[in-house]
Amino acid sequence: MNVLLPNKVFKQFYFLCSYNKMSIQSKCQTCGRKIPTAGGKLSSIEFRRTINDINTLDKLISSKKYIGKFVYSKFRLIKYADNFLEKLEEEIQYIDPIATTIHEDLNRIRIWILNYIDQTEPDPKGALLGNDLESPVYQFLHSVYSEIDEPFHDFYNNYASNVDNPLSKNHVSRALTALGLKPAVKKIKHNDKPKCVMFICATKEELADIFRKNGY
């Protein structure tokens, strides 16, 4: 029989208590809504937004606790979060904070996190992301658009008519924002009168860069 050392027992107890506390108190910084309460999974949209906002080594290190809690909420066992954090720590060890490659290194780690696939034996959990509610939005955008400059309303209708069980407009808007493609107000002429419309705009190069940063 395996016997856990006292510090290991404390570590697991502290992790669970911290996770439960966060589940009750946290809010999504993208839209302000509460993240699911204890027992539910943390928001994958908030997770992607958090990862894409990491632009310094200090920010990456300070985000490790939240990232670990997201992995735990996704895979439901501490050992999977521990395995992920051990691998993340190994990735961080390769970073020289004063090297000229710091931005490339952070980008590599962000993509590694977003594309993480658990292979823990004997029951690997697979991809951390990719089966979330917003995944069809990203897949549709990636497969249909090489560049985009159209009203959000038109994009949404195009998406909704080409997928099963489309998400609400608000959910799609938040998903795009987390990806790095935030809908913005644009003035256009309609019947010779100015009109403000929500647009999604990205050149071919900009959209390719957004996909690259998100591991596509």
N, C-alpha and C. Protein backbone atom coordinates (compact mmCIF):
# COMPACT_ATOMS: atom_id res chain seq x y z
N MET A 1 0.84 -1.20 0.00
CA MET A 1 0.00 0.00 0.00
C MET A 1 0.87 1.25 0.00
N ASN A 2 0.54 2.22 -0.88
CA ASN A 2 1.29 3.46 -0.94
C ASN A 2 0.90 4.36 0.21
N VAL A 3 1.88 4.95 0.87
CA VAL A 3 1.63 5.85 1.99
C VAL A 3 2.08 7.25 1.60
N LEU A 4 1.18 8.20 1.66
CA LEU A 4 1.51 9.58 1.32
C LEU A 4 2.25 10.25 2.46
N LEU A 5 3.32 10.97 2.15
CA LEU A 5 4.03 11.73 3.15
C LEU A 5 3.17 12.90 3.62
N PRO A 6 3.38 13.37 4.86
CA PRO A 6 2.54 14.44 5.39
C PRO A 6 2.48 15.67 4.49
N ASN A 7 3.64 16.08 3.91
CA ASN A 7 3.62 17.27 3.06
C ASN A 7 2.82 17.04 1.78
N LYS A 8 2.80 15.77 1.30
CA LYS A 8 2.00 15.45 0.12
C LYS A 8 0.52 15.50 0.44
N VAL A 9 0.16 15.00 1.62
CA VAL A 9 -1.24 15.06 2.05
C VAL A 9 -1.69 16.51 2.17
N PHE A 10 -0.82 17.33 2.78
CA PHE A 10 -1.16 18.74 2.95
C PHE A 10 -1.31 19.42 1.60
N LYS A 11 -0.39 19.08 0.67
CA LYS A 11 -0.44 19.67 -0.67
C LYS A 11 -1.77 19.39 -1.35
N GLN A 12 -2.23 18.14 -1.28
CA GLN A 12 -3.49 17.76 -1.91
C GLN A 12 -4.66 18.43 -1.22
N PHE A 13 -4.63 18.49 0.12
CA PHE A 13 -5.70 19.13 0.86
C PHE A 13 -5.78 20.62 0.53
N TYR A 14 -4.60 21.29 0.48
CA TYR A 14 -4.56 22.71 0.17
C TYR A 14 -5.06 22.98 -1.24
N PHE A 15 -4.68 22.11 -2.18
CA PHE A 15 -5.10 22.27 -3.58
C PHE A 15 -6.61 22.20 -3.70
N LEU A 16 -7.22 21.22 -3.05
CA LEU A 16 -8.67 21.05 -3.12
C LEU A 16 -9.39 22.23 -2.49
N CYS A 17 -8.89 22.70 -1.34
CA CYS A 17 -9.52 23.83 -0.67
C CYS A 17 -9.42 25.09 -1.52
N SER A 18 -8.25 25.30 -2.13
CA SER A 18 -8.06 26.48 -2.98
C SER A 18 -8.96 26.42 -4.20
N TYR A 19 -9.09 25.21 -4.78
CA TYR A 19 -9.94 25.05 -5.97
C TYR A 19 -11.39 25.35 -5.64
N ASN A 20 -11.88 24.81 -4.51
CA ASN A 20 -13.27 25.05 -4.12
C ASN A 20 -13.53 26.53 -3.85
N LYS A 21 -12.54 27.19 -3.21
CA LYS A 21 -12.70 28.61 -2.92
C LYS A 21 -12.76 29.41 -4.21
N MET A 22 -11.90 29.09 -5.15
CA MET A 22 -11.88 29.81 -6.41
C MET A 22 -13.15 29.59 -7.20
N SER A 23 -13.67 28.36 -7.17
CA SER A 23 -14.87 28.04 -7.93
C SER A 23 -16.05 28.86 -7.49
N ILE A 24 -16.09 29.23 -6.20
CA ILE A 24 -17.21 29.98 -5.68
C ILE A 24 -17.05 31.47 -5.96
N GLN A 25 -15.80 32.00 -5.91
CA GLN A 25 -15.60 33.43 -5.92
C GLN A 25 -15.24 34.02 -7.27
N SER A 26 -14.67 33.25 -8.18
CA SER A 26 -14.09 33.82 -9.39
C SER A 26 -15.14 34.28 -10.39
N LYS A 27 -14.75 35.29 -11.18
CA LYS A 27 -15.59 35.79 -12.25
C LYS A 27 -14.76 35.84 -13.53
N CYS A 28 -15.42 35.64 -14.66
CA CYS A 28 -14.77 35.75 -15.96
C CYS A 28 -14.43 37.21 -16.22
N GLN A 29 -13.14 37.50 -16.51
CA GLN A 29 -12.73 38.88 -16.75
C GLN A 29 -13.15 39.37 -18.12
N THR A 30 -13.57 38.47 -18.99
CA THR A 30 -14.02 38.86 -20.32
C THR A 30 -15.42 39.46 -20.26
N CYS A 31 -16.33 38.82 -19.50
CA CYS A 31 -17.73 39.28 -19.51
C CYS A 31 -18.27 39.60 -18.12
N GLY A 32 -17.51 39.28 -17.04
CA GLY A 32 -17.95 39.59 -15.69
C GLY A 32 -18.85 38.56 -15.05
N ARG A 33 -19.21 37.50 -15.79
CA ARG A 33 -20.11 36.51 -15.22
C ARG A 33 -19.33 35.58 -14.30
N LYS A 34 -20.04 34.96 -13.33
CA LYS A 34 -19.40 34.07 -12.38
C LYS A 34 -18.96 32.78 -13.05
N ILE A 35 -17.77 32.32 -12.70
CA ILE A 35 -17.29 31.03 -13.16
C ILE A 35 -18.04 29.96 -12.38
N PRO A 36 -18.37 28.81 -12.98
CA PRO A 36 -19.18 27.79 -12.33
C PRO A 36 -18.76 27.48 -10.91
N THR A 37 -19.74 27.20 -10.04
CA THR A 37 -19.48 26.93 -8.64
C THR A 37 -18.86 25.56 -8.46
N ALA A 38 -18.48 25.25 -7.21
CA ALA A 38 -17.75 24.03 -6.89
C ALA A 38 -18.39 22.81 -7.52
N GLY A 39 -17.55 21.99 -8.15
CA GLY A 39 -18.05 20.79 -8.80
C GLY A 39 -18.15 20.94 -10.29
N GLY A 40 -18.21 22.20 -10.80
CA GLY A 40 -18.29 22.44 -12.23
C GLY A 40 -16.92 22.71 -12.82
N LYS A 41 -16.87 22.74 -14.15
CA LYS A 41 -15.62 23.04 -14.84
C LYS A 41 -15.46 24.55 -14.96
N LEU A 42 -14.21 24.99 -14.87
CA LEU A 42 -13.93 26.40 -15.07
C LEU A 42 -14.11 26.76 -16.55
N SER A 43 -14.33 28.03 -16.79
CA SER A 43 -14.63 28.51 -18.14
C SER A 43 -13.44 28.33 -19.08
N SER A 44 -13.65 27.64 -20.19
CA SER A 44 -12.59 27.46 -21.19
C SER A 44 -12.34 28.76 -21.93
N ILE A 45 -13.35 29.62 -22.04
CA ILE A 45 -13.16 30.94 -22.66
C ILE A 45 -12.24 31.79 -21.79
N GLU A 46 -12.50 31.82 -20.49
CA GLU A 46 -11.64 32.57 -19.58
C GLU A 46 -10.22 32.00 -19.57
N PHE A 47 -10.11 30.68 -19.67
CA PHE A 47 -8.80 30.04 -19.69
C PHE A 47 -8.02 30.49 -20.93
N ARG A 48 -8.64 30.45 -22.10
CA ARG A 48 -7.96 30.85 -23.33
C ARG A 48 -7.57 32.32 -23.26
N ARG A 49 -8.46 33.16 -22.74
CA ARG A 49 -8.15 34.58 -22.61
C ARG A 49 -6.95 34.79 -21.70
N THR A 50 -6.93 34.06 -20.57
CA THR A 50 -5.82 34.18 -19.63
C THR A 50 -4.50 33.77 -20.27
N ILE A 51 -4.50 32.65 -20.98
CA ILE A 51 -3.28 32.18 -21.64
C ILE A 51 -2.81 33.18 -22.69
N ASN A 52 -3.73 33.70 -23.49
CA ASN A 52 -3.35 34.65 -24.54
C ASN A 52 -2.88 35.98 -23.98
N ASP A 53 -3.22 36.29 -22.73
CA ASP A 53 -2.80 37.53 -22.10
C ASP A 53 -1.42 37.42 -21.45
N ILE A 54 -0.84 36.23 -21.42
CA ILE A 54 0.48 36.05 -20.80
C ILE A 54 1.55 36.61 -21.74
N ASN A 55 2.17 37.72 -21.34
CA ASN A 55 3.19 38.35 -22.17
C ASN A 55 4.50 38.61 -21.45
N THR A 56 4.61 38.16 -20.19
CA THR A 56 5.86 38.26 -19.44
C THR A 56 6.06 36.97 -18.65
N LEU A 57 7.30 36.71 -18.28
CA LEU A 57 7.60 35.52 -17.49
C LEU A 57 6.93 35.60 -16.12
N ASP A 58 6.90 36.78 -15.53
CA ASP A 58 6.25 36.95 -14.23
C ASP A 58 4.76 36.62 -14.32
N LYS A 59 4.13 37.04 -15.41
CA LYS A 59 2.70 36.77 -15.59
C LYS A 59 2.45 35.28 -15.76
N LEU A 60 3.37 34.60 -16.46
CA LEU A 60 3.24 33.15 -16.62
C LEU A 60 3.35 32.45 -15.28
N ILE A 61 4.34 32.84 -14.50
CA ILE A 61 4.55 32.21 -13.19
C ILE A 61 3.38 32.48 -12.25
N SER A 62 2.87 33.71 -12.26
CA SER A 62 1.75 34.05 -11.37
C SER A 62 0.44 33.38 -11.81
N SER A 63 0.39 32.90 -13.07
CA SER A 63 -0.81 32.24 -13.59
C SER A 63 -0.81 30.73 -13.35
N LYS A 64 0.30 30.17 -12.87
CA LYS A 64 0.41 28.72 -12.75
C LYS A 64 -0.66 28.12 -11.85
N LYS A 65 -0.98 28.79 -10.76
CA LYS A 65 -1.97 28.26 -9.84
C LYS A 65 -3.35 28.16 -10.52
N TYR A 66 -3.74 29.22 -11.21
CA TYR A 66 -5.03 29.21 -11.92
C TYR A 66 -5.02 28.15 -13.02
N ILE A 67 -3.91 28.05 -13.77
CA ILE A 67 -3.82 27.07 -14.85
C ILE A 67 -3.97 25.66 -14.29
N GLY A 68 -3.30 25.39 -13.17
CA GLY A 68 -3.41 24.08 -12.53
C GLY A 68 -4.84 23.78 -12.11
N LYS A 69 -5.54 24.77 -11.61
CA LYS A 69 -6.93 24.57 -11.20
C LYS A 69 -7.83 24.30 -12.40
N PHE A 70 -7.52 24.95 -13.52
CA PHE A 70 -8.32 24.67 -14.72
C PHE A 70 -8.11 23.23 -15.17
N VAL A 71 -6.85 22.79 -15.18
CA VAL A 71 -6.55 21.40 -15.57
C VAL A 71 -7.27 20.43 -14.63
N TYR A 72 -7.25 20.74 -13.35
CA TYR A 72 -7.94 19.87 -12.38
C TYR A 72 -9.45 19.85 -12.65
N SER A 73 -10.03 21.03 -12.94
CA SER A 73 -11.47 21.09 -13.19
C SER A 73 -11.84 20.34 -14.47
N LYS A 74 -10.89 20.24 -15.38
CA LYS A 74 -11.14 19.57 -16.65
C LYS A 74 -10.99 18.05 -16.51
N PHE A 75 -9.93 17.60 -15.84
CA PHE A 75 -9.61 16.18 -15.78
C PHE A 75 -10.06 15.51 -14.47
N ARG A 76 -10.43 16.32 -13.46
CA ARG A 76 -11.10 15.85 -12.24
C ARG A 76 -10.23 15.08 -11.24
N LEU A 77 -8.94 14.91 -11.51
CA LEU A 77 -8.05 14.26 -10.54
C LEU A 77 -6.78 15.08 -10.38
N ILE A 78 -6.29 15.18 -9.14
CA ILE A 78 -5.12 16.00 -8.85
C ILE A 78 -3.89 15.51 -9.59
N LYS A 79 -3.77 14.20 -9.78
CA LYS A 79 -2.54 13.68 -10.41
C LYS A 79 -2.37 14.23 -11.82
N TYR A 80 -3.47 14.50 -12.52
CA TYR A 80 -3.37 15.04 -13.87
C TYR A 80 -2.90 16.49 -13.83
N ALA A 81 -3.38 17.24 -12.85
CA ALA A 81 -2.92 18.62 -12.69
C ALA A 81 -1.45 18.64 -12.28
N ASP A 82 -1.07 17.72 -11.38
CA ASP A 82 0.33 17.64 -10.96
C ASP A 82 1.24 17.32 -12.14
N ASN A 83 0.83 16.37 -12.97
CA ASN A 83 1.63 16.00 -14.14
C ASN A 83 1.78 17.18 -15.10
N PHE A 84 0.68 17.90 -15.30
CA PHE A 84 0.72 19.06 -16.19
C PHE A 84 1.68 20.12 -15.63
N LEU A 85 1.55 20.42 -14.33
CA LEU A 85 2.37 21.47 -13.74
C LEU A 85 3.85 21.10 -13.73
N GLU A 86 4.15 19.82 -13.58
CA GLU A 86 5.54 19.38 -13.65
C GLU A 86 6.10 19.63 -15.05
N LYS A 87 5.31 19.33 -16.07
CA LYS A 87 5.75 19.56 -17.46
C LYS A 87 5.86 21.05 -17.74
N LEU A 88 4.92 21.83 -17.21
CA LEU A 88 4.98 23.28 -17.40
C LEU A 88 6.23 23.85 -16.75
N GLU A 89 6.56 23.36 -15.57
CA GLU A 89 7.76 23.82 -14.88
C GLU A 89 9.02 23.51 -15.69
N GLU A 90 9.03 22.35 -16.33
CA GLU A 90 10.16 21.99 -17.20
C GLU A 90 10.27 22.95 -18.37
N GLU A 91 9.12 23.33 -18.94
CA GLU A 91 9.13 24.28 -20.05
C GLU A 91 9.65 25.64 -19.60
N ILE A 92 9.25 26.07 -18.40
CA ILE A 92 9.67 27.37 -17.88
C ILE A 92 11.17 27.40 -17.62
N GLN A 93 11.73 26.27 -17.22
CA GLN A 93 13.16 26.20 -16.90
C GLN A 93 14.03 26.55 -18.09
N TYR A 94 13.50 26.36 -19.29
CA TYR A 94 14.27 26.65 -20.50
C TYR A 94 14.31 28.14 -20.84
N ILE A 95 13.51 28.94 -20.15
CA ILE A 95 13.41 30.36 -20.48
C ILE A 95 14.50 31.15 -19.77
N ASP A 96 15.21 31.94 -20.54
CA ASP A 96 16.18 32.91 -19.99
C ASP A 96 15.48 34.27 -19.98
N PRO A 97 15.15 34.81 -18.79
CA PRO A 97 14.35 36.03 -18.72
C PRO A 97 15.00 37.26 -19.34
N ILE A 98 16.31 37.22 -19.57
CA ILE A 98 16.99 38.39 -20.15
C ILE A 98 17.42 38.14 -21.59
N ALA A 99 17.08 36.98 -22.13
CA ALA A 99 17.46 36.65 -23.50
C ALA A 99 16.56 37.38 -24.49
N THR A 100 17.07 37.58 -25.68
CA THR A 100 16.29 38.26 -26.72
C THR A 100 15.17 37.37 -27.25
N THR A 101 15.21 36.09 -26.90
CA THR A 101 14.19 35.14 -27.38
C THR A 101 13.02 34.99 -26.40
N ILE A 102 12.92 35.84 -25.38
CA ILE A 102 11.91 35.68 -24.34
C ILE A 102 10.49 35.67 -24.93
N HIS A 103 10.21 36.53 -25.90
CA HIS A 103 8.86 36.58 -26.47
C HIS A 103 8.54 35.31 -27.27
N GLU A 104 9.54 34.81 -28.00
CA GLU A 104 9.36 33.56 -28.74
C GLU A 104 9.14 32.39 -27.78
N ASP A 105 9.88 32.40 -26.66
CA ASP A 105 9.75 31.33 -25.67
C ASP A 105 8.37 31.35 -25.02
N LEU A 106 7.88 32.54 -24.69
CA LEU A 106 6.55 32.65 -24.09
C LEU A 106 5.47 32.23 -25.08
N ASN A 107 5.64 32.59 -26.34
CA ASN A 107 4.68 32.19 -27.36
C ASN A 107 4.67 30.68 -27.51
N ARG A 108 5.84 30.06 -27.48
CA ARG A 108 5.94 28.60 -27.57
C ARG A 108 5.21 27.93 -26.41
N ILE A 109 5.36 28.46 -25.21
CA ILE A 109 4.71 27.87 -24.04
C ILE A 109 3.21 28.09 -24.09
N ARG A 110 2.77 29.26 -24.54
CA ARG A 110 1.32 29.51 -24.67
C ARG A 110 0.69 28.48 -25.61
N ILE A 111 1.33 28.25 -26.75
CA ILE A 111 0.81 27.29 -27.71
C ILE A 111 0.84 25.88 -27.12
N TRP A 112 1.91 25.57 -26.39
CA TRP A 112 2.02 24.25 -25.75
C TRP A 112 0.87 24.02 -24.77
N ILE A 113 0.53 25.05 -24.00
CA ILE A 113 -0.57 24.93 -23.04
C ILE A 113 -1.89 24.72 -23.77
N LEU A 114 -2.16 25.54 -24.78
CA LEU A 114 -3.43 25.46 -25.50
C LEU A 114 -3.58 24.14 -26.25
N ASN A 115 -2.46 23.54 -26.65
CA ASN A 115 -2.50 22.27 -27.40
C ASN A 115 -2.16 21.06 -26.52
N TYR A 116 -2.15 21.26 -25.20
CA TYR A 116 -1.71 20.19 -24.29
C TYR A 116 -2.59 18.95 -24.43
N ILE A 117 -1.93 17.80 -24.51
CA ILE A 117 -2.62 16.51 -24.56
C ILE A 117 -2.11 15.65 -23.41
N ASP A 118 -3.00 15.27 -22.51
CA ASP A 118 -2.61 14.44 -21.37
C ASP A 118 -2.40 13.00 -21.81
N GLN A 119 -1.26 12.42 -21.39
CA GLN A 119 -0.94 11.04 -21.71
C GLN A 119 -0.63 10.23 -20.46
N THR A 120 -1.23 10.65 -19.33
CA THR A 120 -0.99 9.97 -18.06
C THR A 120 -1.53 8.55 -18.10
N GLU A 121 -0.67 7.61 -17.79
CA GLU A 121 -1.08 6.21 -17.74
C GLU A 121 -1.66 5.88 -16.38
N PRO A 122 -2.62 4.96 -16.27
CA PRO A 122 -3.13 4.10 -17.34
C PRO A 122 -4.38 4.66 -18.04
N ASP A 123 -4.75 5.90 -17.69
CA ASP A 123 -6.01 6.46 -18.22
C ASP A 123 -5.77 7.87 -18.74
N PRO A 124 -5.11 8.03 -19.90
CA PRO A 124 -4.86 9.37 -20.45
C PRO A 124 -6.16 10.09 -20.78
N LYS A 125 -6.19 11.39 -20.49
CA LYS A 125 -7.41 12.18 -20.67
C LYS A 125 -7.48 12.89 -22.02
N GLY A 126 -6.39 12.90 -22.76
CA GLY A 126 -6.42 13.51 -24.08
C GLY A 126 -6.26 15.02 -24.04
N ALA A 127 -6.87 15.71 -25.01
CA ALA A 127 -6.68 17.15 -25.20
C ALA A 127 -7.32 17.96 -24.08
N LEU A 128 -6.59 18.98 -23.62
CA LEU A 128 -7.11 19.89 -22.61
C LEU A 128 -8.22 20.76 -23.20
N LEU A 129 -8.03 21.22 -24.43
CA LEU A 129 -9.03 22.01 -25.16
C LEU A 129 -9.34 21.31 -26.48
N GLY A 130 -10.41 21.74 -27.11
CA GLY A 130 -10.76 21.18 -28.41
C GLY A 130 -12.13 20.55 -28.46
N ASN A 131 -12.66 20.20 -27.27
CA ASN A 131 -14.01 19.63 -27.21
C ASN A 131 -14.96 20.53 -26.42
N ASP A 132 -14.61 21.80 -26.36
CA ASP A 132 -15.43 22.75 -25.62
C ASP A 132 -16.55 23.30 -26.50
N LEU A 133 -17.52 23.95 -25.88
CA LEU A 133 -18.68 24.45 -26.63
C LEU A 133 -18.28 25.41 -27.74
N GLU A 134 -17.22 26.20 -27.52
CA GLU A 134 -16.84 27.19 -28.51
C GLU A 134 -15.91 26.64 -29.60
N SER A 135 -15.45 25.40 -29.46
CA SER A 135 -14.53 24.82 -30.45
C SER A 135 -15.09 24.86 -31.88
N PRO A 136 -16.39 24.53 -32.11
CA PRO A 136 -16.93 24.62 -33.47
C PRO A 136 -16.88 26.04 -34.05
N VAL A 137 -16.93 27.06 -33.19
CA VAL A 137 -16.80 28.45 -33.68
C VAL A 137 -15.42 28.65 -34.28
N TYR A 138 -14.39 28.21 -33.54
CA TYR A 138 -13.02 28.36 -34.01
C TYR A 138 -12.77 27.53 -35.26
N GLN A 139 -13.30 26.31 -35.27
CA GLN A 139 -13.10 25.43 -36.43
C GLN A 139 -13.77 26.01 -37.67
N PHE A 140 -14.97 26.57 -37.49
CA PHE A 140 -15.67 27.19 -38.61
C PHE A 140 -14.89 28.39 -39.13
N LEU A 141 -14.46 29.26 -38.23
CA LEU A 141 -13.70 30.44 -38.62
C LEU A 141 -12.42 30.04 -39.36
N HIS A 142 -11.73 29.04 -38.84
CA HIS A 142 -10.46 28.62 -39.43
C HIS A 142 -10.64 27.99 -40.80
N SER A 143 -11.72 27.26 -40.98
CA SER A 143 -11.92 26.54 -42.25
C SER A 143 -12.54 27.41 -43.34
N VAL A 144 -13.27 28.44 -42.97
CA VAL A 144 -14.02 29.24 -43.95
C VAL A 144 -13.32 30.55 -44.30
N TYR A 145 -12.65 31.17 -43.33
CA TYR A 145 -12.11 32.52 -43.54
C TYR A 145 -10.58 32.53 -43.56
N SER A 146 -10.02 33.14 -44.59
CA SER A 146 -8.58 33.44 -44.60
C SER A 146 -8.36 34.89 -44.18
N GLU A 147 -9.36 35.71 -44.32
CA GLU A 147 -9.42 37.07 -43.82
C GLU A 147 -10.89 37.41 -43.59
N ILE A 148 -11.14 38.47 -42.84
CA ILE A 148 -12.54 38.77 -42.54
C ILE A 148 -12.75 40.26 -42.36
N ASP A 149 -13.83 40.75 -42.92
CA ASP A 149 -14.24 42.14 -42.77
C ASP A 149 -15.74 42.19 -43.05
N GLU A 150 -16.51 41.82 -42.04
CA GLU A 150 -17.95 41.74 -42.23
C GLU A 150 -18.67 41.97 -40.90
N PRO A 151 -19.92 42.38 -40.94
CA PRO A 151 -20.69 42.58 -39.71
C PRO A 151 -20.75 41.29 -38.89
N PHE A 152 -20.68 41.45 -37.57
CA PHE A 152 -20.78 40.29 -36.69
C PHE A 152 -22.07 39.54 -36.94
N HIS A 153 -23.14 40.26 -37.21
CA HIS A 153 -24.45 39.65 -37.48
C HIS A 153 -24.36 38.68 -38.66
N ASP A 154 -23.67 39.09 -39.73
CA ASP A 154 -23.53 38.23 -40.91
C ASP A 154 -22.68 37.01 -40.60
N PHE A 155 -21.58 37.24 -39.87
CA PHE A 155 -20.72 36.11 -39.49
C PHE A 155 -21.50 35.11 -38.65
N TYR A 156 -22.26 35.63 -37.68
CA TYR A 156 -23.00 34.73 -36.80
C TYR A 156 -24.02 33.91 -37.59
N ASN A 157 -24.75 34.55 -38.49
CA ASN A 157 -25.75 33.82 -39.28
C ASN A 157 -25.10 32.76 -40.16
N ASN A 158 -23.94 33.08 -40.72
CA ASN A 158 -23.20 32.13 -41.54
C ASN A 158 -22.75 30.93 -40.69
N TYR A 159 -22.23 31.23 -39.50
CA TYR A 159 -21.81 30.17 -38.57
C TYR A 159 -23.01 29.32 -38.15
N ALA A 160 -24.09 29.98 -37.74
CA ALA A 160 -25.26 29.26 -37.20
C ALA A 160 -25.92 28.35 -38.23
N SER A 161 -25.80 28.71 -39.50
CA SER A 161 -26.42 27.90 -40.55
C SER A 161 -25.52 26.75 -41.00
N ASN A 162 -24.31 26.69 -40.46
CA ASN A 162 -23.37 25.65 -40.89
C ASN A 162 -22.90 24.72 -39.78
N VAL A 163 -23.44 24.88 -38.57
CA VAL A 163 -23.06 24.00 -37.46
C VAL A 163 -24.32 23.49 -36.77
N ASP A 164 -24.17 22.39 -36.09
CA ASP A 164 -25.26 21.87 -35.26
C ASP A 164 -25.25 22.58 -33.91
N ASN A 165 -26.39 22.85 -33.37
CA ASN A 165 -26.53 23.46 -32.04
C ASN A 165 -25.67 24.71 -31.87
N PRO A 166 -25.91 25.74 -32.67
CA PRO A 166 -25.11 26.97 -32.56
C PRO A 166 -25.26 27.64 -31.20
N LEU A 167 -24.19 28.29 -30.77
CA LEU A 167 -24.19 29.02 -29.52
C LEU A 167 -24.92 30.35 -29.69
N SER A 168 -25.21 31.02 -28.60
CA SER A 168 -25.84 32.34 -28.66
C SER A 168 -24.85 33.36 -29.21
N LYS A 169 -25.36 34.50 -29.65
CA LYS A 169 -24.50 35.55 -30.17
C LYS A 169 -23.51 36.03 -29.10
N ASN A 170 -23.99 36.16 -27.89
CA ASN A 170 -23.12 36.62 -26.80
C ASN A 170 -21.98 35.63 -26.55
N HIS A 171 -22.28 34.35 -26.57
CA HIS A 171 -21.27 33.31 -26.35
C HIS A 171 -20.24 33.34 -27.48
N VAL A 172 -20.69 33.47 -28.71
CA VAL A 172 -19.78 33.52 -29.85
C VAL A 172 -18.89 34.76 -29.78
N SER A 173 -19.47 35.89 -29.41
CA SER A 173 -18.70 37.12 -29.29
C SER A 173 -17.60 36.98 -28.24
N ARG A 174 -17.93 36.38 -27.08
CA ARG A 174 -16.94 36.17 -26.03
C ARG A 174 -15.85 35.19 -26.48
N ALA A 175 -16.25 34.17 -27.23
CA ALA A 175 -15.29 33.18 -27.73
C ALA A 175 -14.30 33.82 -28.70
N LEU A 176 -14.79 34.66 -29.59
CA LEU A 176 -13.92 35.35 -30.54
C LEU A 176 -12.97 36.31 -29.83
N THR A 177 -13.47 37.00 -28.81
CA THR A 177 -12.64 37.92 -28.04
C THR A 177 -11.51 37.17 -27.35
N ALA A 178 -11.80 36.02 -26.77
CA ALA A 178 -10.77 35.21 -26.12
C ALA A 178 -9.73 34.73 -27.11
N LEU A 179 -10.16 34.49 -28.33
CA LEU A 179 -9.24 34.05 -29.39
C LEU A 179 -8.30 35.17 -29.80
N GLY A 180 -8.75 36.42 -29.61
CA GLY A 180 -7.97 37.58 -30.03
C GLY A 180 -8.60 38.34 -31.17
N LEU A 181 -9.85 38.02 -31.48
CA LEU A 181 -10.59 38.65 -32.57
C LEU A 181 -11.84 39.30 -32.00
N LYS A 182 -11.67 40.48 -31.44
CA LYS A 182 -12.76 41.14 -30.73
C LYS A 182 -13.64 41.94 -31.69
N PRO A 183 -14.94 41.66 -31.73
CA PRO A 183 -15.85 42.48 -32.54
C PRO A 183 -15.80 43.94 -32.08
N ALA A 184 -15.83 44.85 -33.04
CA ALA A 184 -15.74 46.27 -32.71
C ALA A 184 -16.75 47.06 -33.52
N VAL A 185 -17.13 48.22 -33.00
CA VAL A 185 -18.10 49.08 -33.66
C VAL A 185 -17.45 49.77 -34.85
N LYS A 186 -18.15 49.77 -35.98
CA LYS A 186 -17.67 50.40 -37.19
C LYS A 186 -18.81 51.22 -37.81
N LYS A 187 -18.49 52.44 -38.23
CA LYS A 187 -19.51 53.29 -38.85
C LYS A 187 -19.61 52.98 -40.34
N ILE A 188 -20.83 52.74 -40.80
CA ILE A 188 -21.06 52.51 -42.22
C ILE A 188 -22.23 53.38 -42.67
N LYS A 189 -22.40 53.47 -43.98
CA LYS A 189 -23.55 54.19 -44.50
C LYS A 189 -24.64 53.22 -44.87
N HIS A 190 -25.85 53.51 -44.40
CA HIS A 190 -27.01 52.68 -44.71
C HIS A 190 -28.14 53.61 -45.12
N ASN A 191 -28.58 53.47 -46.39
CA ASN A 191 -29.60 54.38 -46.94
C ASN A 191 -29.15 55.83 -46.82
N ASP A 192 -27.85 56.03 -47.15
CA ASP A 192 -27.24 57.37 -47.12
C ASP A 192 -27.20 57.98 -45.73
N LYS A 193 -27.33 57.15 -44.72
CA LYS A 193 -27.24 57.65 -43.34
C LYS A 193 -26.19 56.84 -42.58
N PRO A 194 -25.44 57.53 -41.69
CA PRO A 194 -24.42 56.80 -40.91
C PRO A 194 -25.07 55.83 -39.92
N LYS A 195 -24.46 54.69 -39.79
CA LYS A 195 -24.98 53.67 -38.89
C LYS A 195 -23.83 52.93 -38.22
N CYS A 196 -23.95 52.70 -36.93
CA CYS A 196 -22.91 51.97 -36.19
C CYS A 196 -23.26 50.48 -36.17
N VAL A 197 -22.32 49.66 -36.61
CA VAL A 197 -22.53 48.22 -36.71
C VAL A 197 -21.33 47.49 -36.10
N MET A 198 -21.60 46.40 -35.41
CA MET A 198 -20.52 45.56 -34.89
C MET A 198 -19.89 44.78 -36.03
N PHE A 199 -18.58 44.95 -36.22
CA PHE A 199 -17.85 44.30 -37.30
C PHE A 199 -16.77 43.38 -36.73
N ILE A 200 -16.42 42.38 -37.52
CA ILE A 200 -15.24 41.56 -37.24
C ILE A 200 -14.26 41.83 -38.37
N CYS A 201 -13.08 42.33 -38.02
CA CYS A 201 -12.11 42.72 -39.04
C CYS A 201 -10.74 42.15 -38.73
N ALA A 202 -10.13 41.52 -39.72
CA ALA A 202 -8.75 41.04 -39.62
C ALA A 202 -8.23 40.77 -41.01
N THR A 203 -7.05 41.30 -41.32
CA THR A 203 -6.43 41.02 -42.61
C THR A 203 -5.98 39.56 -42.64
N LYS A 204 -5.55 39.13 -43.82
CA LYS A 204 -5.08 37.76 -43.98
C LYS A 204 -3.91 37.48 -43.03
N GLU A 205 -2.99 38.45 -42.93
CA GLU A 205 -1.83 38.28 -42.05
C GLU A 205 -2.24 38.29 -40.58
N GLU A 206 -3.16 39.18 -40.22
CA GLU A 206 -3.60 39.28 -38.82
C GLU A 206 -4.33 38.01 -38.39
N LEU A 207 -5.21 37.50 -39.25
CA LEU A 207 -5.97 36.31 -38.90
C LEU A 207 -5.06 35.09 -38.80
N ALA A 208 -4.09 35.00 -39.72
CA ALA A 208 -3.13 33.90 -39.67
C ALA A 208 -2.33 33.95 -38.38
N ASP A 209 -1.97 35.16 -37.92
CA ASP A 209 -1.21 35.31 -36.68
C ASP A 209 -2.06 34.93 -35.47
N ILE A 210 -3.35 35.28 -35.50
CA ILE A 210 -4.25 34.90 -34.41
C ILE A 210 -4.37 33.39 -34.31
N PHE A 211 -4.54 32.72 -35.44
CA PHE A 211 -4.63 31.26 -35.45
C PHE A 211 -3.32 30.64 -34.96
N ARG A 212 -2.20 31.18 -35.42
CA ARG A 212 -0.90 30.63 -35.02
C ARG A 212 -0.71 30.73 -33.50
N LYS A 213 -1.07 31.88 -32.93
CA LYS A 213 -0.91 32.08 -31.49
C LYS A 213 -1.84 31.18 -30.68
N ASN A 214 -2.89 30.69 -31.31
CA ASN A 214 -3.83 29.81 -30.63
C ASN A 214 -3.61 28.34 -30.97
N GLY A 215 -2.50 28.05 -31.65
CA GLY A 215 -2.13 26.66 -31.91
C GLY A 215 -2.80 26.02 -33.10
N TYR A 216 -3.33 26.82 -34.03
CA TYR A 216 -3.97 26.26 -35.22
C TYR A 216 -2.98 26.23 -36.38
